[in-house]
Structures are given as structure tokens and as C-alpha cells.
């Protein structure tokens, strides 16, 4: 056989060996649910003490944008 064939056989054997080692390592590692790796948010220092609501929303700006959208829809003939 030529050296090209030996090279192909060698690469194929190397790939099979890597695959076998990889499957053995995966069998040894335990599966851990994602919920166990999440931090405890109840006592996490970066979690705010209270829930945020709509206190930061400027309702006048919301009304202004809704009126502008209605005006543009009338200009486009959608209503």
C-alpha cells in the first residue's frame, strides 16, 4: 500500500481513539440538573428587595405615543 493509504488509516484510527476516550469520559461525569447550578436568588446580594412595577413609566408619554400612532394610522388609511 502507498503512504497515502497508511496516512488515511492512521487518521481514521486516531479519530476512533478520540471518540472512544470522549465517550468514556462522558460516562464517568454525572448529569446535574440545571436547577441545581442556579444561584439562590432569594438571598442573592444583587437581587432587589422589592419588585419593580409601573412606578417608572411616564403615562403622559405613553398617551402621547398612542395618539401619534392613531394619527399615523389614519393618514395611512388603515382605519
PDB file of N, CA and C in Angstrom:
ATOM      1  N   UNK A   1       0.832  -1.182   0.000  1.00  0.00           N
ATOM      2  CA  UNK A   1       0.000   0.000   0.000  1.00  0.00           C
ATOM      3  C   UNK A   1       0.875   1.243   0.000  1.00  0.00           C
ATOM      4  N   UNK A   2       0.318   2.295  -0.549  1.00  0.00           N
ATOM      5  CA  UNK A   2       1.090   3.532  -0.609  1.00  0.00           C
ATOM      6  C   UNK A   2       0.995   4.277   0.718  1.00  0.00           C
ATOM      7  N   UNK A   3       1.818   5.284   0.845  1.00  0.00           N
ATOM      8  CA  UNK A   3       1.867   6.037   2.099  1.00  0.00           C
ATOM      9  C   UNK A   3       0.568   6.824   2.329  1.00  0.00           C
ATOM     10  N   UNK A   4      -0.140   7.191   1.275  1.00  0.00           N
ATOM     11  CA  UNK A   4      -1.418   7.902   1.397  1.00  0.00           C
ATOM     12  C   UNK A   4      -2.462   7.058   2.110  1.00  0.00           C
ATOM     13  N   UNK A   5      -2.479   5.770   1.765  1.00  0.00           N
ATOM     14  CA  UNK A   5      -3.436   4.865   2.422  1.00  0.00           C
ATOM     15  C   UNK A   5      -3.107   4.704   3.899  1.00  0.00           C
ATOM     16  N   UNK A   6      -1.810   4.563   4.198  1.00  0.00           N
ATOM     17  CA  UNK A   6      -1.414   4.423   5.599  1.00  0.00           C
ATOM     18  C   UNK A   6      -1.761   5.678   6.397  1.00  0.00           C
ATOM     19  N   UNK A   7      -1.612   6.821   5.779  1.00  0.00           N
ATOM     20  CA  UNK A   7      -1.966   8.081   6.431  1.00  0.00           C
ATOM     21  C   UNK A   7      -3.465   8.138   6.715  1.00  0.00           C
ATOM     22  N   UNK A   8      -4.275   7.729   5.757  1.00  0.00           N
ATOM     23  CA  UNK A   8      -5.733   7.727   5.935  1.00  0.00           C
ATOM     24  C   UNK A   8      -6.131   6.750   7.041  1.00  0.00           C
ATOM     25  N   UNK A   9      -5.537   5.573   7.060  1.00  0.00           N
ATOM     26  CA  UNK A   9      -5.835   4.576   8.098  1.00  0.00           C
ATOM     27  C   UNK A   9      -5.415   5.106   9.466  1.00  0.00           C
ATOM     28  N   UNK A  10      -4.267   5.760   9.542  1.00  0.00           N
ATOM     29  CA  UNK A  10      -3.794   6.331  10.797  1.00  0.00           C
ATOM     30  C   UNK A  10      -4.723   7.422  11.313  1.00  0.00           C
ATOM     31  N   UNK A  11      -5.177   8.297  10.429  1.00  0.00           N
ATOM     32  CA  UNK A  11      -6.107   9.360  10.836  1.00  0.00           C
ATOM     33  C   UNK A  11      -7.443   8.788  11.280  1.00  0.00           C
ATOM     34  N   UNK A  12      -7.894   7.753  10.602  1.00  0.00           N
ATOM     35  CA  UNK A  12      -9.144   7.093  10.978  1.00  0.00           C
ATOM     36  C   UNK A  12      -9.014   6.437  12.345  1.00  0.00           C
ATOM     37  N   UNK A  13      -7.885   5.801  12.606  1.00  0.00           N
ATOM     38  CA  UNK A  13      -7.641   5.186  13.912  1.00  0.00           C
ATOM     39  C   UNK A  13      -7.549   6.236  15.012  1.00  0.00           C
ATOM     40  N   UNK A  14      -6.912   7.363  14.721  1.00  0.00           N
ATOM     41  CA  UNK A  14      -6.815   8.448  15.688  1.00  0.00           C
ATOM     42  C   UNK A  14      -8.197   9.003  16.023  1.00  0.00           C
ATOM     43  N   UNK A  15      -9.029   9.190  15.020  1.00  0.00           N
ATOM     44  CA  UNK A  15     -10.384   9.690  15.251  1.00  0.00           C
ATOM     45  C   UNK A  15     -11.194   8.692  16.079  1.00  0.00           C
ATOM     46  N   UNK A  16     -11.043   7.398  15.800  1.00  0.00           N
ATOM     47  CA  UNK A  16     -11.761   6.377  16.571  1.00  0.00           C
ATOM     48  C   UNK A  16     -11.288   6.369  18.021  1.00  0.00           C
ATOM     49  N   UNK A  17     -10.008   6.553  18.238  1.00  0.00           N
ATOM     50  CA  UNK A  17      -9.474   6.599  19.598  1.00  0.00           C
ATOM     51  C   UNK A  17      -9.980   7.805  20.369  1.00  0.00           C
ATOM     52  N   UNK A  18     -10.011   8.959  19.725  1.00  0.00           N
ATOM     53  CA  UNK A  18     -10.530  10.167  20.368  1.00  0.00           C
ATOM     54  C   UNK A  18     -12.004   9.990  20.720  1.00  0.00           C
ATOM     55  N   UNK A  19     -12.753   9.399  19.814  1.00  0.00           N
ATOM     56  CA  UNK A  19     -14.180   9.161  20.071  1.00  0.00           C
ATOM     57  C   UNK A  19     -14.378   8.221  21.257  1.00  0.00           C
ATOM     58  N   UNK A  20     -13.567   7.169  21.337  1.00  0.00           N
ATOM     59  CA  UNK A  20     -13.696   6.207  22.436  1.00  0.00           C
ATOM     60  C   UNK A  20     -13.357   6.856  23.773  1.00  0.00           C
ATOM     61  N   UNK A  21     -12.307   7.658  23.822  1.00  0.00           N
ATOM     62  CA  UNK A  21     -11.936   8.339  25.063  1.00  0.00           C
ATOM     63  C   UNK A  21     -13.031   9.333  25.457  1.00  0.00           C
ATOM     64  N   UNK A  22     -13.583  10.036  24.500  1.00  0.00           N
ATOM     65  CA  UNK A  22     -14.628  11.011  24.776  1.00  0.00           C
ATOM     66  C   UNK A  22     -15.873  10.346  25.354  1.00  0.00           C
ATOM     67  N   UNK A  23     -16.288   9.216  24.796  1.00  0.00           N
ATOM     68  CA  UNK A  23     -17.475   8.535  25.317  1.00  0.00           C
ATOM     69  C   UNK A  23     -17.220   7.993  26.720  1.00  0.00           C
ATOM     70  N   UNK A  24     -16.013   7.524  27.004  1.00  0.00           N
ATOM     71  CA  UNK A  24     -15.700   7.047  28.352  1.00  0.00           C
ATOM     72  C   UNK A  24     -15.720   8.178  29.365  1.00  0.00           C
ATOM     73  N   UNK A  25     -15.211   9.328  28.987  1.00  0.00           N
ATOM     74  CA  UNK A  25     -15.223  10.473  29.902  1.00  0.00           C
ATOM     75  C   UNK A  25     -16.640  10.970  30.156  1.00  0.00           C
ATOM     76  N   UNK A  26     -17.486  10.913  29.147  1.00  0.00           N
ATOM     77  CA  UNK A  26     -18.871  11.349  29.326  1.00  0.00           C
ATOM     78  C   UNK A  26     -19.646  10.384  30.217  1.00  0.00           C
ATOM     79  N   UNK A  27     -19.315   9.105  30.172  1.00  0.00           N
ATOM     80  CA  UNK A  27     -19.983   8.130  31.032  1.00  0.00           C
ATOM     81  C   UNK A  27     -19.635   8.366  32.496  1.00  0.00           C
ATOM     82  N   UNK A  28     -18.417   8.793  32.764  1.00  0.00           N
ATOM     83  CA  UNK A  28     -17.974   8.992  34.138  1.00  0.00           C
ATOM     84  C   UNK A  28     -18.593  10.235  34.769  1.00  0.00           C
ATOM     85  N   UNK A  29     -18.801  11.274  33.983  1.00  0.00           N
ATOM     86  CA  UNK A  29     -19.329  12.517  34.561  1.00  0.00           C
ATOM     87  C   UNK A  29     -20.816  12.355  34.854  1.00  0.00           C
ATOM     88  N   UNK A  30     -21.213  12.840  36.018  1.00  0.00           N
ATOM     89  CA  UNK A  30     -22.615  12.752  36.412  1.00  0.00           C
ATOM     90  C   UNK A  30     -23.403  13.887  35.788  1.00  0.00           C
ATOM     91  N   UNK A  31     -24.638  13.602  35.452  1.00  0.00           N
ATOM     92  CA  UNK A  31     -25.525  14.635  34.941  1.00  0.00           C
ATOM     93  C   UNK A  31     -26.091  15.401  36.125  1.00  0.00           C
ATOM     94  N   UNK A  32     -26.011  16.709  36.080  1.00  0.00           N
ATOM     95  CA  UNK A  32     -26.538  17.544  37.142  1.00  0.00           C
ATOM     96  C   UNK A  32     -27.623  18.432  36.568  1.00  0.00           C
ATOM     97  N   UNK A  33     -28.799  18.441  37.172  1.00  0.00           N
ATOM     98  CA  UNK A  33     -29.865  19.288  36.641  1.00  0.00           C
ATOM     99  C   UNK A  33     -29.469  20.764  36.671  1.00  0.00           C
ATOM    100  N   UNK A  34     -29.967  21.514  35.725  1.00  0.00           N
ATOM    101  CA  UNK A  34     -29.655  22.931  35.640  1.00  0.00           C
ATOM    102  C   UNK A  34     -30.153  23.685  36.865  1.00  0.00           C
ATOM    103  N   UNK A  35     -31.243  23.216  37.455  1.00  0.00           N
ATOM    104  CA  UNK A  35     -31.793  23.903  38.620  1.00  0.00           C
ATOM    105  C   UNK A  35     -30.831  23.859  39.808  1.00  0.00           C
ATOM    106  N   UNK A  36     -29.972  22.865  39.872  1.00  0.00           N
ATOM    107  CA  UNK A  36     -29.017  22.790  40.971  1.00  0.00           C
ATOM    108  C   UNK A  36     -27.850  23.743  40.777  1.00  0.00           C
ATOM    109  N   UNK A  37     -27.588  24.136  39.547  1.00  0.00           N
ATOM    110  CA  UNK A  37     -26.459  25.025  39.297  1.00  0.00           C
ATOM    111  C   UNK A  37     -26.855  26.494  39.360  1.00  0.00           C
ATOM    112  N   UNK A  38     -28.138  26.796  39.497  1.00  0.00           N
ATOM    113  CA  UNK A  38     -28.586  28.182  39.582  1.00  0.00           C
ATOM    114  C   UNK A  38     -28.354  28.726  40.982  1.00  0.00           C
ATOM    115  N   UNK A  39     -28.006  29.996  41.100  1.00  0.00           N
ATOM    116  CA  UNK A  39     -27.807  30.565  42.437  1.00  0.00           C
ATOM    117  C   UNK A  39     -29.143  30.737  43.147  1.00  0.00           C
ATOM    118  N   UNK A  40     -29.088  30.799  44.454  1.00  0.00           N
ATOM    119  CA  UNK A  40     -30.282  31.004  45.255  1.00  0.00           C
ATOM    120  C   UNK A  40     -30.629  32.486  45.221  1.00  0.00           C
ATOM    121  N   UNK A  41     -31.626  32.860  44.435  1.00  0.00           N
ATOM    122  CA  UNK A  41     -31.938  34.270  44.228  1.00  0.00           C
ATOM    123  C   UNK A  41     -32.615  34.908  45.434  1.00  0.00           C
ATOM    124  N   UNK A  42     -33.172  34.113  46.316  1.00  0.00           N
ATOM    125  CA  UNK A  42     -33.846  34.685  47.476  1.00  0.00           C
ATOM    126  C   UNK A  42     -32.855  35.426  48.363  1.00  0.00           C
ATOM    127  N   UNK A  43     -31.649  34.912  48.471  1.00  0.00           N
ATOM    128  CA  UNK A  43     -30.645  35.516  49.333  1.00  0.00           C
ATOM    129  C   UNK A  43     -29.478  36.104  48.550  1.00  0.00           C
ATOM    130  N   UNK A  44     -29.633  36.246  47.260  1.00  0.00           N
ATOM    131  CA  UNK A  44     -28.551  36.763  46.432  1.00  0.00           C
ATOM    132  C   UNK A  44     -28.373  38.257  46.699  1.00  0.00           C
ATOM    133  N   UNK A  45     -27.142  38.736  46.877  1.00  0.00           N
ATOM    134  CA  UNK A  45     -26.949  40.145  47.235  1.00  0.00           C
ATOM    135  C   UNK A  45     -27.320  41.133  46.135  1.00  0.00           C
ATOM    136  N   UNK A  46     -27.377  40.703  44.882  1.00  0.00           N
ATOM    137  CA  UNK A  46     -27.705  41.624  43.794  1.00  0.00           C
ATOM    138  C   UNK A  46     -29.200  41.712  43.520  1.00  0.00           C
ATOM    139  N   UNK A  47     -29.997  40.884  44.171  1.00  0.00           N
ATOM    140  CA  UNK A  47     -31.433  40.894  43.958  1.00  0.00           C
ATOM    141  C   UNK A  47     -32.056  42.064  44.725  1.00  0.00           C
ATOM    142  N   UNK A  48     -32.895  42.870  44.066  1.00  0.00           N
ATOM    143  CA  UNK A  48     -33.530  43.976  44.801  1.00  0.00           C
ATOM    144  C   UNK A  48     -34.507  43.449  45.847  1.00  0.00           C
ATOM    145  N   UNK A  49     -34.731  44.248  46.888  1.00  0.00           N
ATOM    146  CA  UNK A  49     -35.592  43.830  47.985  1.00  0.00           C
ATOM    147  C   UNK A  49     -37.068  43.811  47.593  1.00  0.00           C
ATOM    148  N   UNK A  50     -37.469  44.678  46.687  1.00  0.00           N
ATOM    149  CA  UNK A  50     -38.883  44.738  46.320  1.00  0.00           C
ATOM    150  C   UNK A  50     -39.024  44.594  44.804  1.00  0.00           C
ATOM    151  N   UNK A  51     -40.185  44.164  44.396  1.00  0.00           N
ATOM    152  CA  UNK A  51     -40.455  44.031  42.969  1.00  0.00           C
ATOM    153  C   UNK A  51     -40.694  45.407  42.361  1.00  0.00           C
ATOM    154  N   UNK A  52     -40.242  45.573  41.150  1.00  0.00           N
ATOM    155  CA  UNK A  52     -40.472  46.837  40.456  1.00  0.00           C
ATOM    156  C   UNK A  52     -41.773  46.760  39.678  1.00  0.00           C
ATOM    157  N   UNK A  53     -42.535  47.816  39.714  1.00  0.00           N
ATOM    158  CA  UNK A  53     -43.802  47.856  38.997  1.00  0.00           C
ATOM    159  C   UNK A  53     -43.787  48.935  37.941  1.00  0.00           C
ATOM    160  N   UNK A  54     -44.882  49.644  37.821  1.00  0.00           N
ATOM    161  CA  UNK A  54     -45.013  50.679  36.806  1.00  0.00           C
ATOM    162  C   UNK A  54     -44.669  52.068  37.336  1.00  0.00           C
ATOM    163  N   UNK A  55     -43.978  52.169  38.462  1.00  0.00           N
ATOM    164  CA  UNK A  55     -43.706  53.484  39.018  1.00  0.00           C
ATOM    165  C   UNK A  55     -42.765  54.313  38.158  1.00  0.00           C
ATOM    166  N   UNK A  56     -41.993  53.676  37.288  1.00  0.00           N
ATOM    167  CA  UNK A  56     -41.041  54.412  36.462  1.00  0.00           C
ATOM    168  C   UNK A  56     -41.602  54.736  35.081  1.00  0.00           C
ATOM    169  N   UNK A  57     -42.846  54.400  34.811  1.00  0.00           N
ATOM    170  CA  UNK A  57     -43.432  54.622  33.494  1.00  0.00           C
ATOM    171  C   UNK A  57     -44.092  55.998  33.458  1.00  0.00           C
ATOM    172  N   UNK A  58     -43.748  56.776  32.452  1.00  0.00           N
ATOM    173  CA  UNK A  58     -44.365  58.088  32.259  1.00  0.00           C
ATOM    174  C   UNK A  58     -45.624  57.894  31.418  1.00  0.00           C
ATOM    175  N   UNK A  59     -46.777  57.911  32.089  1.00  0.00           N
ATOM    176  CA  UNK A  59     -48.035  57.618  31.401  1.00  0.00           C
ATOM    177  C   UNK A  59     -48.412  58.704  30.408  1.00  0.00           C
ATOM    178  N   UNK A  60     -47.975  59.937  30.638  1.00  0.00           N
ATOM    179  CA  UNK A  60     -48.259  61.009  29.662  1.00  0.00           C
ATOM    180  C   UNK A  60     -47.539  60.733  28.353  1.00  0.00           C
ATOM    181  N   UNK A  61     -46.327  60.228  28.447  1.00  0.00           N
ATOM    182  CA  UNK A  61     -45.582  59.902  27.233  1.00  0.00           C
ATOM    183  C   UNK A  61     -46.238  58.730  26.497  1.00  0.00           C
ATOM    184  N   UNK A  62     -46.754  57.768  27.251  1.00  0.00           N
ATOM    185  CA  UNK A  62     -47.447  56.628  26.640  1.00  0.00           C
ATOM    186  C   UNK A  62     -48.689  57.121  25.895  1.00  0.00           C
ATOM    187  N   UNK A  63     -49.457  57.997  26.523  1.00  0.00           N
ATOM    188  CA  UNK A  63     -50.647  58.546  25.862  1.00  0.00           C
ATOM    189  C   UNK A  63     -50.271  59.322  24.606  1.00  0.00           C
ATOM    190  N   UNK A  64     -49.198  60.115  24.703  1.00  0.00           N
ATOM    191  CA  UNK A  64     -48.757  60.891  23.549  1.00  0.00           C
ATOM    192  C   UNK A  64     -48.371  59.980  22.386  1.00  0.00           C
ATOM    193  N   UNK A  65     -47.664  58.894  22.670  1.00  0.00           N
ATOM    194  CA  UNK A  65     -47.243  57.961  21.621  1.00  0.00           C
ATOM    195  C   UNK A  65     -48.449  57.250  21.026  1.00  0.00           C
ATOM    196  N   UNK A  66     -49.420  56.855  21.868  1.00  0.00           N
ATOM    197  CA  UNK A  66     -50.624  56.192  21.349  1.00  0.00           C
ATOM    198  C   UNK A  66     -51.415  57.120  20.436  1.00  0.00           C
ATOM    199  N   UNK A  67     -51.530  58.399  20.815  1.00  0.00           N
ATOM    200  CA  UNK A  67     -52.240  59.366  19.953  1.00  0.00           C
ATOM    201  C   UNK A  67     -51.510  59.568  18.639  1.00  0.00           C
ATOM    202  N   UNK A  68     -50.190  59.638  18.693  1.00  0.00           N
ATOM    203  CA  UNK A  68     -49.408  59.784  17.466  1.00  0.00           C
ATOM    204  C   UNK A  68     -49.579  58.565  16.562  1.00  0.00           C
ATOM    205  N   UNK A  69     -49.606  57.377  17.138  1.00  0.00           N
ATOM    206  CA  UNK A  69     -49.815  56.166  16.343  1.00  0.00           C
ATOM    207  C   UNK A  69     -51.195  56.153  15.702  1.00  0.00           C
ATOM    208  N   UNK A  70     -52.214  56.579  16.452  1.00  0.00           N
ATOM    209  CA  UNK A  70     -53.563  56.651  15.873  1.00  0.00           C
ATOM    210  C   UNK A  70     -53.602  57.636  14.724  1.00  0.00           C
ATOM    211  N   UNK A  71     -52.939  58.798  14.884  1.00  0.00           N
ATOM    212  CA  UNK A  71     -52.915  59.808  13.818  1.00  0.00           C
ATOM    213  C   UNK A  71     -52.226  59.251  12.574  1.00  0.00           C
ATOM    214  N   UNK A  72     -51.126  58.539  12.764  1.00  0.00           N
ATOM    215  CA  UNK A  72     -50.411  57.986  11.611  1.00  0.00           C
ATOM    216  C   UNK A  72     -51.203  56.880  10.931  1.00  0.00           C
ATOM    217  N   UNK A  73     -51.937  56.089  11.725  1.00  0.00           N
ATOM    218  CA  UNK A  73     -52.783  55.051  11.123  1.00  0.00           C
ATOM    219  C   UNK A  73     -53.898  55.657  10.281  1.00  0.00           C
ATOM    220  N   UNK A  74     -54.455  56.785  10.743  1.00  0.00           N
ATOM    221  CA  UNK A  74     -55.490  57.451   9.949  1.00  0.00           C
ATOM    222  C   UNK A  74     -54.918  58.003   8.648  1.00  0.00           C
ATOM    223  N   UNK A  75     -53.677  58.527   8.703  1.00  0.00           N
ATOM    224  CA  UNK A  75     -53.053  59.029   7.490  1.00  0.00           C
ATOM    225  C   UNK A  75     -52.760  57.911   6.491  1.00  0.00           C
ATOM    226  N   UNK A  76     -52.424  56.744   6.989  1.00  0.00           N
ATOM    227  CA  UNK A  76     -52.121  55.625   6.114  1.00  0.00           C
ATOM    228  C   UNK A  76     -53.366  54.914   5.604  1.00  0.00           C
ATOM    229  N   UNK A  77     -54.534  55.256   6.125  1.00  0.00           N
ATOM    230  CA  UNK A  77     -55.775  54.675   5.656  1.00  0.00           C
ATOM    231  C   UNK A  77     -56.051  53.296   6.223  1.00  0.00           C
ATOM    232  N   UNK A  78     -55.543  52.990   7.390  1.00  0.00           N
ATOM    233  CA  UNK A  78     -55.776  51.671   7.951  1.00  0.00           C
ATOM    234  C   UNK A  78     -57.071  51.602   8.721  1.00  0.00           C
ATOM    235  N   UNK A  79     -57.685  52.723   9.014  1.00  0.00           N
ATOM    236  CA  UNK A  79     -58.945  52.697   9.763  1.00  0.00           C
ATOM    237  C   UNK A  79     -60.089  53.128   8.904  1.00  0.00           C
TER     238      UNK A  79
END
